[in-house]
C-alpha atoms as a PDB file:
ATOM      1  CA  MET A   1      33.865  45.733   4.648  1.00  0.00           C
ATOM      2  CA  LYS A   2      32.517  42.164   3.961  1.00  0.00           C
ATOM      3  CA  ASN A   3      29.640  42.321   1.407  1.00  0.00           C
ATOM      4  CA  LYS A   4      26.456  41.315   2.457  1.00  0.00           C
ATOM      5  CA  LYS A   5      24.856  37.998   0.644  1.00  0.00           C
ATOM      6  CA  PRO A   6      22.427  38.796  -2.099  1.00  0.00           C
ATOM      7  CA  LEU A   7      19.087  39.483  -0.902  1.00  0.00           C
ATOM      8  CA  GLN A   8      17.663  36.782  -2.998  1.00  0.00           C
ATOM      9  CA  GLN A   9      20.164  33.819  -1.741  1.00  0.00           C
ATOM     10  CA  ARG A  10      19.054  34.955   1.983  1.00  0.00           C
ATOM     11  CA  LYS A  11      15.769  35.361   0.620  1.00  0.00           C
ATOM     12  CA  TYR A  12      15.568  31.619  -0.475  1.00  0.00           C
ATOM     13  CA  SER A  13      18.115  30.033   1.941  1.00  0.00           C
ATOM     14  CA  GLY A  14      15.092  28.663   4.537  1.00  0.00           C
ATOM     15  CA  VAL A  15      13.441  27.155   1.220  1.00  0.00           C
ATOM     16  CA  GLN A  16      16.694  25.470   0.220  1.00  0.00           C
ATOM     17  CA  ALA A  17      17.072  24.092   3.852  1.00  0.00           C
ATOM     18  CA  ASP A  18      13.576  22.731   3.646  1.00  0.00           C
ATOM     19  CA  LEU A  19      14.589  20.912   0.504  1.00  0.00           C
ATOM     20  CA  ARG A  20      17.511  19.275   1.709  1.00  0.00           C
ATOM     21  CA  THR A  21      15.632  17.971   4.683  1.00  0.00           C
ATOM     22  CA  GLY A  22      12.966  16.606   2.617  1.00  0.00           C
ATOM     23  CA  GLU A  23      15.724  14.642   0.352  1.00  0.00           C
ATOM     24  CA  ARG A  24      17.471  13.820   3.385  1.00  0.00           C
ATOM     25  CA  LYS A  25      14.156  12.346   4.793  1.00  0.00           C
ATOM     26  CA  GLN A  26      13.278  10.518   1.498  1.00  0.00           C
ATOM     27  CA  LYS A  27      16.737   8.834   1.248  1.00  0.00           C
ATOM     28  CA  ILE A  28      15.737   7.694   4.704  1.00  0.00           C
ATOM     29  CA  ILE A  29      12.492   6.389   3.883  1.00  0.00           C
ATOM     30  CA  GLU A  30      14.095   4.395   0.754  1.00  0.00           C
ATOM     31  CA  ALA A  31      16.665   2.775   2.712  1.00  0.00           C
ATOM     32  CA  GLY A  32      13.535   1.850   5.294  1.00  0.00           C
ATOM     33  CA  LEU A  33      12.078  -0.100   2.307  1.00  0.00           C
ATOM     34  CA  GLU A  34      15.277  -1.717   1.392  1.00  0.00           C
ATOM     35  CA  ALA A  35      16.099  -2.403   4.666  1.00  0.00           C
ATOM     36  CA  PHE A  36      12.864  -3.686   6.135  1.00  0.00           C
ATOM     37  CA  GLY A  37      11.838  -5.541   2.708  1.00  0.00           C
ATOM     38  CA  THR A  38      14.823  -7.487   2.130  1.00  0.00           C
ATOM     39  CA  ILE A  39      16.515  -8.440   5.867  1.00  0.00           C
ATOM     40  CA  GLY A  40      13.455  -7.444   8.111  1.00  0.00           C
ATOM     41  CA  TYR A  41      12.166  -4.876  10.295  1.00  0.00           C
ATOM     42  CA  ALA A  42      13.294  -6.946  13.468  1.00  0.00           C
ATOM     43  CA  LYS A  43      17.011  -7.247  12.414  1.00  0.00           C
ATOM     44  CA  THR A  44      17.229  -3.743  10.907  1.00  0.00           C
ATOM     45  CA  SER A  45      19.309  -1.439  12.846  1.00  0.00           C
ATOM     46  CA  ILE A  46      18.755   2.555  13.007  1.00  0.00           C
ATOM     47  CA  LYS A  47      22.539   2.507  12.089  1.00  0.00           C
ATOM     48  CA  LYS A  48      22.019   0.038   9.365  1.00  0.00           C
ATOM     49  CA  ILE A  49      19.266   2.219   7.711  1.00  0.00           C
ATOM     50  CA  CYS A  50      21.621   5.420   7.887  1.00  0.00           C
ATOM     51  CA  ASN A  51      24.563   3.328   6.165  1.00  0.00           C
ATOM     52  CA  LEU A  52      22.212   2.983   3.367  1.00  0.00           C
ATOM     53  CA  ALA A  53      20.763   6.079   3.256  1.00  0.00           C
ATOM     54  CA  GLY A  54      24.657   7.706   3.405  1.00  0.00           C
ATOM     55  CA  LEU A  55      23.474   9.786   6.456  1.00  0.00           C
ATOM     56  CA  THR A  56      24.392   9.771   9.597  1.00  0.00           C
ATOM     57  CA  GLU A  57      22.256   9.302  12.378  1.00  0.00           C
ATOM     58  CA  ARG A  58      21.714  12.861  13.324  1.00  0.00           C
ATOM     59  CA  TYR A  59      19.678  13.027  10.385  1.00  0.00           C
ATOM     60  CA  PHE A  60      17.493  10.014  11.088  1.00  0.00           C
ATOM     61  CA  TYR A  61      16.352  12.213  14.081  1.00  0.00           C
ATOM     62  CA  GLU A  62      15.644  15.098  12.013  1.00  0.00           C
ATOM     63  CA  SER A  63      12.611  13.166  10.913  1.00  0.00           C
ATOM     64  CA  PHE A  64      11.972  10.334  12.806  1.00  0.00           C
ATOM     65  CA  ASP A  65      11.929   9.946  16.801  1.00  0.00           C
ATOM     66  CA  CYS A  66      12.416   6.173  16.356  1.00  0.00           C
ATOM     67  CA  LYS A  67      12.675   3.306  14.204  1.00  0.00           C
ATOM     68  CA  GLU A  68       8.527   2.316  14.558  1.00  0.00           C
ATOM     69  CA  ASP A  69       8.175   5.861  13.150  1.00  0.00           C
ATOM     70  CA  LEU A  70      10.266   5.008   9.920  1.00  0.00           C
ATOM     71  CA  LEU A  71       8.136   1.779   9.635  1.00  0.00           C
ATOM     72  CA  SER A  72       4.738   3.375   9.983  1.00  0.00           C
ATOM     73  CA  THR A  73       6.094   5.714   7.549  1.00  0.00           C
ATOM     74  CA  VAL A  74       7.170   3.359   4.748  1.00  0.00           C
ATOM     75  CA  TYR A  75       3.934   1.264   5.264  1.00  0.00           C
ATOM     76  CA  GLN A  76       1.963   4.324   4.987  1.00  0.00           C
ATOM     77  CA  SER A  77       3.557   5.103   1.701  1.00  0.00           C
ATOM     78  CA  ILE A  78       2.773   1.811   0.125  1.00  0.00           C
ATOM     79  CA  ILE A  79      -0.589   1.953   1.036  1.00  0.00           C
ATOM     80  CA  THR A  80      -0.700   5.694  -0.320  1.00  0.00           C
ATOM     81  CA  GLU A  81       0.805   4.456  -3.844  1.00  0.00           C
ATOM     82  CA  LEU A  82      -1.693   1.475  -4.162  1.00  0.00           C
ATOM     83  CA  THR A  83      -4.492   3.839  -3.576  1.00  0.00           C
ATOM     84  CA  ALA A  84      -3.452   6.523  -5.927  1.00  0.00           C
ATOM     85  CA  LYS A  85      -2.451   4.309  -8.803  1.00  0.00           C
ATOM     86  CA  THR A  86      -5.979   2.481  -8.461  1.00  0.00           C
ATOM     87  CA  LEU A  87      -8.039   5.628  -8.104  1.00  0.00           C
ATOM     88  CA  GLU A  88      -6.266   7.050 -11.173  1.00  0.00           C
ATOM     89  CA  LEU A  89      -6.792   4.172 -12.977  1.00  0.00           C
ATOM     90  CA  ILE A  90     -10.215   4.078 -12.031  1.00  0.00           C
ATOM     91  CA  ASN A  91     -10.918   7.678 -12.753  1.00  0.00           C
ATOM     92  CA  ARG A  92      -9.079   7.315 -15.946  1.00  0.00           C
ATOM     93  CA  SER A  93     -11.713   4.895 -17.309  1.00  0.00           C
ATOM     94  CA  GLU A  94     -14.658   6.158 -19.162  1.00  0.00           C
ATOM     95  CA  ASP A  95     -16.840   3.498 -17.416  1.00  0.00           C
ATOM     96  CA  ARG A  96     -16.618   1.579 -14.351  1.00  0.00           C
ATOM     97  CA  SER A  97     -17.000  -1.816 -15.675  1.00  0.00           C
ATOM     98  CA  ALA A  98     -15.742  -5.312 -14.878  1.00  0.00           C
ATOM     99  CA  ALA A  99     -13.326  -4.651 -17.352  1.00  0.00           C
ATOM    100  CA  THR A 100     -11.836  -1.653 -15.039  1.00  0.00           C
ATOM    101  CA  ALA A 101     -12.309  -3.556 -12.029  1.00  0.00           C
ATOM    102  CA  TYR A 102     -10.391  -5.947 -12.981  1.00  0.00           C
ATOM    103  CA  ALA A 103      -7.486  -3.922 -14.431  1.00  0.00           C
ATOM    104  CA  SER A 104      -7.390  -2.538 -10.758  1.00  0.00           C
ATOM    105  CA  LEU A 105      -6.825  -5.875  -9.357  1.00  0.00           C
ATOM    106  CA  LYS A 106      -4.208  -6.472 -12.127  1.00  0.00           C
ATOM    107  CA  LEU A 107      -2.765  -3.398 -10.968  1.00  0.00           C
ATOM    108  CA  TYR A 108      -2.589  -4.656  -7.348  1.00  0.00           C
ATOM    109  CA  PHE A 109      -0.895  -7.516  -8.063  1.00  0.00           C
ATOM    110  CA  GLN A 110       1.749  -6.135 -10.682  1.00  0.00           C
ATOM    111  CA  THR A 111       2.838  -3.228  -8.025  1.00  0.00           C
ATOM    112  CA  LEU A 112       3.964  -6.310  -5.791  1.00  0.00           C
ATOM    113  CA  GLN A 113       5.482  -8.630  -8.267  1.00  0.00           C
ATOM    114  CA  GLU A 114       7.659  -5.346  -9.758  1.00  0.00           C
ATOM    115  CA  ASP A 115       8.786  -4.514  -6.108  1.00  0.00           C
ATOM    116  CA  PRO A 116       8.757  -7.549  -3.837  1.00  0.00           C
ATOM    117  CA  ARG A 117      10.159  -5.297  -0.768  1.00  0.00           C
ATOM    118  CA  LYS A 118       6.674  -3.675  -0.551  1.00  0.00           C
ATOM    119  CA  ALA A 119       4.887  -7.371  -0.275  1.00  0.00           C
ATOM    120  CA  ARG A 120       7.097  -8.193   2.344  1.00  0.00           C
ATOM    121  CA  MET A 121       6.472  -4.876   4.287  1.00  0.00           C
ATOM    122  CA  LEU A 122       2.284  -5.346   3.537  1.00  0.00           C
ATOM    123  CA  PHE A 123       1.905  -8.934   4.575  1.00  0.00           C
ATOM    124  CA  PHE A 124       4.820  -9.516   7.303  1.00  0.00           C
ATOM    125  CA  GLU A 125       6.884  -7.055   8.514  1.00  0.00           C
ATOM    126  CA  ILE A 126       3.992  -5.060   9.479  1.00  0.00           C
ATOM    127  CA  LEU A 127       2.282  -7.728  11.829  1.00  0.00           C
ATOM    128  CA  GLY A 128       2.856  -7.736  15.841  1.00  0.00           C
ATOM    129  CA  VAL A 129       5.124  -4.851  15.950  1.00  0.00           C
ATOM    130  CA  SER A 130       3.087  -2.619  18.477  1.00  0.00           C
ATOM    131  CA  PRO A 131      -0.392  -1.460  18.922  1.00  0.00           C
ATOM    132  CA  ARG A 132      -0.086   1.632  17.094  1.00  0.00           C
ATOM    133  CA  ILE A 133       0.971  -0.647  14.109  1.00  0.00           C
ATOM    134  CA  ASP A 134      -1.432  -3.198  14.048  1.00  0.00           C
ATOM    135  CA  GLU A 135      -4.004  -0.195  14.373  1.00  0.00           C
ATOM    136  CA  GLU A 136      -2.529   1.204  11.244  1.00  0.00           C
ATOM    137  CA  TYR A 137      -2.840  -2.385   9.605  1.00  0.00           C
ATOM    138  CA  ARG A 138      -6.410  -2.627  10.854  1.00  0.00           C
ATOM    139  CA  LYS A 139      -7.316   0.817   8.456  1.00  0.00           C
ATOM    140  CA  ALA A 140      -5.302  -0.376   6.207  1.00  0.00           C
ATOM    141  CA  ILE A 141      -7.747  -3.604   6.001  1.00  0.00           C
ATOM    142  CA  GLN A 142     -11.049  -1.342   5.683  1.00  0.00           C
ATOM    143  CA  GLU A 143      -9.754   0.853   3.719  1.00  0.00           C
ATOM    144  CA  LEU A 144      -9.345  -2.343   1.134  1.00  0.00           C
ATOM    145  CA  SER A 145     -12.834  -3.680   2.453  1.00  0.00           C
ATOM    146  CA  SER A 146     -14.125  -0.281   0.636  1.00  0.00           C
ATOM    147  CA  HIS A 147     -12.288  -0.751  -2.344  1.00  0.00           C
ATOM    148  CA  ALA A 148     -13.328  -4.436  -2.790  1.00  0.00           C
ATOM    149  CA  MET A 149     -17.268  -2.802  -2.322  1.00  0.00           C
ATOM    150  CA  GLN A 150     -16.433  -0.918  -4.989  1.00  0.00           C
ATOM    151  CA  ILE A 151     -14.644  -3.883  -7.365  1.00  0.00           C
ATOM    152  CA  LEU A 152     -17.897  -6.188  -6.439  1.00  0.00           C
ATOM    153  CA  MET A 153     -20.150  -3.510  -7.659  1.00  0.00           C
ATOM    154  CA  MET A 154     -18.317  -2.690 -10.833  1.00  0.00           C
ATOM    155  CA  VAL A 155     -18.015  -6.444 -11.691  1.00  0.00           C
ATOM    156  CA  PHE A 156     -21.741  -7.056 -11.261  1.00  0.00           C
ATOM    157  CA  PRO A 157     -23.923  -4.226 -11.640  1.00  0.00           C
ATOM    158  CA  ALA A 158     -27.149  -6.049 -10.541  1.00  0.00           C
ATOM    159  CA  LEU A 159     -25.604  -5.620  -7.129  1.00  0.00           C
ATOM    160  CA  ASN A 160     -26.321  -3.009  -4.994  1.00  0.00           C
ATOM    161  CA  TYR A 161     -25.024  -1.013  -1.964  1.00  0.00           C
ATOM    162  CA  ARG A 162     -27.482  -1.727   0.144  1.00  0.00           C
ATOM    163  CA  GLN A 163     -26.912  -5.448  -0.285  1.00  0.00           C
ATOM    164  CA  LEU A 164     -23.664  -5.039   0.401  1.00  0.00           C
ATOM    165  CA  LYS A 165     -22.861  -2.905   3.466  1.00  0.00           C
ATOM    166  CA  ASP A 166     -24.844  -4.952   6.074  1.00  0.00           C
ATOM    167  CA  THR A 167     -22.602  -8.016   4.978  1.00  0.00           C
ATOM    168  CA  ILE A 168     -19.073  -8.850   5.700  1.00  0.00           C
ATOM    169  CA  LEU A 169     -18.314 -10.150   2.129  1.00  0.00           C
ATOM    170  CA  PRO A 170     -16.360  -7.086   1.134  1.00  0.00           C
ATOM    171  CA  ALA A 171     -13.839  -8.056   4.300  1.00  0.00           C
ATOM    172  CA  ALA A 172     -14.111 -11.491   3.060  1.00  0.00           C
ATOM    173  CA  ILE A 173     -12.937 -10.447  -0.546  1.00  0.00           C
ATOM    174  CA  ALA A 174     -10.436  -8.048   0.879  1.00  0.00           C
ATOM    175  CA  GLY A 175      -9.092 -10.523   3.486  1.00  0.00           C
ATOM    176  CA  ALA A 176      -9.111 -13.186   0.295  1.00  0.00           C
ATOM    177  CA  ILE A 177      -7.130 -10.614  -2.148  1.00  0.00           C
ATOM    178  CA  ILE A 178      -4.647 -10.207   1.088  1.00  0.00           C
ATOM    179  CA  GLN A 179      -4.147 -13.932   1.409  1.00  0.00           C
ATOM    180  CA  VAL A 180      -4.132 -14.742  -2.260  1.00  0.00           C
ATOM    181  CA  ALA A 181      -1.263 -11.716  -2.165  1.00  0.00           C
ATOM    182  CA  SER A 182       0.721 -12.808   0.336  1.00  0.00           C
ATOM    183  CA  GLN A 183       0.600 -16.249  -0.684  1.00  0.00           C
ATOM    184  CA  TRP A 184       1.697 -15.376  -4.436  1.00  0.00           C
ATOM    185  CA  SER A 185       4.641 -13.507  -2.862  1.00  0.00           C
ATOM    186  CA  LEU A 186       5.939 -16.513  -0.460  1.00  0.00           C
ATOM    187  CA  ASN A 187       6.085 -18.625  -3.875  1.00  0.00           C
ATOM    188  CA  HIS A 188       7.808 -16.260  -5.783  1.00  0.00           C
ATOM    189  CA  PHE A 189       5.195 -15.035  -7.599  1.00  0.00           C
ATOM    190  CA  GLN A 190       4.024 -17.933  -9.020  1.00  0.00           C
ATOM    191  CA  PRO A 191       1.898 -19.611 -10.900  1.00  0.00           C
ATOM    192  CA  PRO A 192       1.591 -16.584 -13.550  1.00  0.00           C
ATOM    193  CA  LEU A 193      -0.246 -13.418 -12.610  1.00  0.00           C
ATOM    194  CA  GLU A 194      -2.982 -14.509 -15.394  1.00  0.00           C
ATOM    195  CA  LYS A 195      -3.454 -17.723 -13.434  1.00  0.00           C
ATOM    196  CA  ILE A 196      -3.766 -15.534 -10.114  1.00  0.00           C
ATOM    197  CA  LEU A 197      -6.344 -13.287 -11.602  1.00  0.00           C
ATOM    198  CA  SER A 198      -8.401 -15.951 -13.159  1.00  0.00           C
ATOM    199  CA  GLN A 199      -8.583 -17.320  -9.802  1.00  0.00           C
ATOM    200  CA  VAL A 200      -9.942 -14.098  -8.411  1.00  0.00           C
ATOM    201  CA  ALA A 201     -12.643 -13.732 -11.039  1.00  0.00           C
ATOM    202  CA  TYR A 202     -13.528 -17.075 -10.170  1.00  0.00           C
ATOM    203  CA  LEU A 203     -13.897 -16.311  -6.504  1.00  0.00           C
ATOM    204  CA  LEU A 204     -16.039 -12.930  -7.124  1.00  0.00           C
ATOM    205  CA  LYS A 205     -18.375 -14.962  -9.160  1.00  0.00           C
ATOM    206  CA  MET A 206     -19.005 -17.411  -6.152  1.00  0.00           C
ATOM    207  CA  VAL A 207     -19.740 -13.774  -4.380  1.00  0.00           C
ATOM    208  CA  GLU A 208     -22.122 -13.081  -6.821  1.00  0.00           C
ATOM    209  CA  ASP A 209     -24.174 -16.121  -7.007  1.00  0.00           C
ATOM    210  CA  PHE A 210     -24.315 -16.095  -3.159  1.00  0.00           C
ATOM    211  CA  VAL A 211     -25.861 -12.602  -3.170  1.00  0.00           C
ATOM    212  CA  ALA A 212     -28.473 -13.752  -6.132  1.00  0.00           C
ATOM    213  CA  GLU A 213     -29.459 -16.585  -4.101  1.00  0.00           C
ATOM    214  CA  GLN A 214     -30.028 -14.437  -0.835  1.00  0.00           C
ATOM    215  CA  ALA A 215     -32.155 -11.892  -3.060  1.00  0.00           C
ATOM    216  CA  GLY A 216     -34.142 -14.893  -4.147  1.00  0.00           C
ATOM    217  CA  SER A 217     -34.936 -16.324  -0.893  1.00  0.00           C
ATOM    218  CA  SER A 218     -35.578 -13.018   1.125  1.00  0.00           C
END
């Protein structure tokens, strides 16, 4: 009579299978970032992704219905990473000062500089794929606008939420940051980061001057 599998092995076999599934999914996500961020979404096939991941196509469809699903997951993972890093930096700071705001901007630009694939994903490969992906992009811009409002209020304490919430300024700042970052990536991250940050600081100062002028004339 064959020995039965030990109880503990049977008990955890489902957990081990879930872990393996999760590991395979992560490999595919990493392969997606590599492929989309280097050769581009349109030129990437599911076969190419699986080859990079070292998996068969069967395992791709274990976690994703199509290539667009993977694009969405890779894009959202980058947004989540940037948001988490920024919030961690802000929450770790003893005060919400201009120095903290500029540090969060520096972290944003540094993350893209350290991994140009993420910049390509955020600013180029995500555009014009489908209405669904376009909507995800719009939501990400709205989230960045919210962060821009926080940055403005940290840099310029004299400003308040009421002054900003009914203006297009947060969206304008978010758009400017995206435009600066995308052009910077196209220029192979030149000029140096510190010069980019000084230009963004100048832009923020112009916003402060505008708001002060509007408040004085009202």
